[in-house]
Amino acid sequence: MNRSTTLPLLPAAFAALLLAGPADAGERQHAVQAASPQPVAEVLRAGGGTVSGTVAAVGATWMTVQDDSARMDVTVRGLLPEGIAPGAPITVTGPVRKGGLVASEIILADGSPHRPLRGGHGLDHDDD
């Protein structure tokens, strides 16, 4: 390439980098939106996302979800919705905090969605 064809490309490449925005750990602070499920191990590395797997264990405010790649603890603000039991398929979306997922949305095997309340006093069921 000669100098006259290289120089016009540099400003365009620089502008593209500026428009792409920062790529740092601070981006993980944004709200996680439901998307296509990814492996548990990938969501843990990415700092959040959507996973589909099987319920391995259940408590009042937590569950463990597993797939072929890994297991992760999932917590909710309030209580888990009824119908979550070991062995049940489940899809969960949320950010990773302290090594586990904090559920912002839970989709049960029957397709019913549940979103934890922001105040932390239970779950907002669609049929309420």
Protein backbone atom coordinates (compact mmCIF):
# COMPACT_ATOMS: atom_id res chain seq x y z
CA MET A 1 0.00 0.00 0.00
CA ASN A 2 1.17 3.48 -0.62
CA ARG A 3 0.77 6.36 1.79
CA SER A 4 -2.21 7.93 0.02
CA THR A 5 -4.41 4.83 0.47
CA THR A 6 -3.37 4.13 4.07
CA LEU A 7 -4.01 7.54 5.63
CA PRO A 8 -7.72 7.86 4.73
CA LEU A 9 -8.40 4.51 6.44
CA LEU A 10 -6.89 5.58 9.77
CA PRO A 11 -9.54 8.19 10.70
CA ALA A 12 -12.34 5.76 9.84
CA ALA A 13 -10.80 3.01 11.97
CA PHE A 14 -10.29 5.43 14.88
CA ALA A 15 -13.91 6.64 14.65
CA ALA A 16 -15.15 3.05 14.67
CA LEU A 17 -13.19 2.37 17.87
CA LEU A 18 -14.63 5.47 19.54
CA LEU A 19 -18.20 4.57 18.58
CA ALA A 20 -17.79 1.01 19.85
CA GLY A 21 -17.46 2.32 23.42
CA PRO A 22 -15.34 1.10 26.30
CA ALA A 23 -14.71 -2.59 26.83
CA ASP A 24 -13.87 -2.82 30.51
CA ALA A 25 -15.14 -4.49 33.67
CA GLY A 26 -17.41 -1.50 34.32
CA GLU A 27 -19.73 -2.71 31.57
CA ARG A 28 -20.75 -5.61 33.80
CA GLN A 29 -22.67 -3.19 36.00
CA HIS A 30 -25.41 -2.74 33.38
CA ALA A 31 -28.72 -4.58 33.73
CA VAL A 32 -28.69 -8.01 32.17
CA GLN A 33 -31.39 -8.59 29.57
CA ALA A 34 -32.83 -12.01 28.75
CA ALA A 35 -31.12 -13.47 25.71
CA SER A 36 -30.38 -16.83 24.19
CA PRO A 37 -29.20 -19.17 26.92
CA GLN A 38 -25.47 -19.76 27.25
CA PRO A 39 -23.58 -22.45 29.16
CA VAL A 40 -23.35 -21.86 32.93
CA ALA A 41 -19.54 -21.66 32.74
CA GLU A 42 -19.73 -18.92 30.08
CA VAL A 43 -22.26 -16.84 32.05
CA LEU A 44 -20.02 -17.06 35.12
CA ARG A 45 -17.04 -15.81 33.06
CA ALA A 46 -19.08 -13.06 31.40
CA GLY A 47 -20.48 -11.70 34.65
CA GLY A 48 -24.10 -12.44 33.81
CA GLY A 49 -26.53 -13.60 31.17
CA THR A 50 -29.13 -16.28 30.61
CA VAL A 51 -28.73 -19.97 31.45
CA SER A 52 -30.96 -22.97 30.85
CA GLY A 53 -30.33 -26.06 32.86
CA THR A 54 -31.66 -28.41 35.48
CA VAL A 55 -32.38 -27.56 39.10
CA ALA A 56 -29.89 -29.54 41.23
CA ALA A 57 -30.89 -28.26 44.70
CA VAL A 58 -33.51 -25.89 46.13
CA GLY A 59 -33.86 -23.68 49.22
CA ALA A 60 -36.43 -21.01 50.07
CA THR A 61 -34.47 -18.16 48.43
CA TRP A 62 -31.89 -20.01 46.33
CA MET A 63 -31.38 -22.91 43.95
CA THR A 64 -28.47 -24.56 42.21
CA VAL A 65 -28.71 -24.79 38.42
CA GLN A 66 -26.50 -27.08 36.38
CA ASP A 67 -25.84 -27.89 32.77
CA ASP A 68 -23.13 -29.90 31.01
CA SER A 69 -20.53 -27.15 31.62
CA ALA A 70 -20.88 -26.34 35.35
CA ARG A 71 -23.14 -25.63 38.35
CA MET A 72 -24.03 -22.25 39.80
CA ASP A 73 -25.98 -21.02 42.77
CA VAL A 74 -28.90 -18.73 41.96
CA THR A 75 -30.42 -16.40 44.55
CA VAL A 76 -33.58 -14.30 44.45
CA ARG A 77 -34.88 -11.38 46.42
CA GLY A 78 -37.77 -12.89 48.32
CA LEU A 79 -38.89 -16.49 47.87
CA LEU A 80 -38.57 -18.76 44.87
CA PRO A 81 -41.80 -19.30 42.96
CA GLU A 82 -43.72 -22.53 43.52
CA GLY A 83 -42.97 -25.39 41.18
CA ILE A 84 -39.19 -25.34 41.36
CA ALA A 85 -37.93 -28.80 42.31
CA PRO A 86 -34.73 -30.82 41.82
CA GLY A 87 -34.59 -32.26 38.34
CA ALA A 88 -36.88 -29.60 36.82
CA PRO A 89 -35.73 -27.69 33.73
CA ILE A 90 -35.33 -23.96 34.29
CA THR A 91 -34.09 -20.78 32.58
CA VAL A 92 -32.67 -17.92 34.63
CA THR A 93 -31.38 -14.46 33.69
CA GLY A 94 -29.34 -12.12 35.87
CA PRO A 95 -25.97 -10.70 36.83
CA VAL A 96 -23.26 -12.68 38.61
CA ARG A 97 -22.52 -11.49 42.15
CA LYS A 98 -20.13 -13.22 44.53
CA GLY A 99 -19.80 -16.25 42.26
CA GLY A 100 -23.52 -16.89 41.77
CA LEU A 101 -26.36 -15.56 39.67
CA VAL A 102 -28.85 -13.06 41.15
CA ALA A 103 -32.07 -13.83 39.30
CA SER A 104 -33.76 -10.94 37.52
CA GLU A 105 -36.05 -13.36 35.66
CA ILE A 106 -36.93 -17.03 36.14
CA ILE A 107 -38.77 -19.03 33.48
CA LEU A 108 -40.27 -22.29 34.68
CA ALA A 109 -40.65 -25.47 32.61
CA ASP A 110 -44.25 -24.50 31.71
CA GLY A 111 -42.96 -21.21 30.25
CA SER A 112 -44.33 -18.97 33.00
CA PRO A 113 -42.02 -16.04 33.77
CA HIS A 114 -41.35 -14.72 37.27
CA ARG A 115 -39.47 -11.52 38.13
CA PRO A 116 -38.19 -10.75 41.62
CA LEU A 117 -39.47 -7.48 43.06
CA ARG A 118 -36.92 -4.70 43.25
CA GLY A 119 -37.76 -4.10 46.90
CA GLY A 120 -36.85 -7.66 47.76
CA HIS A 121 -40.10 -8.74 49.44
CA GLY A 122 -41.19 -11.54 47.16
CA LEU A 123 -41.71 -12.36 43.54
CA ASP A 124 -43.92 -10.54 41.10
CA HIS A 125 -46.07 -13.27 39.57
CA ASP A 126 -47.79 -12.51 36.28
CA ASP A 127 -51.08 -13.89 37.68
CA ASP A 128 -51.17 -11.49 40.67
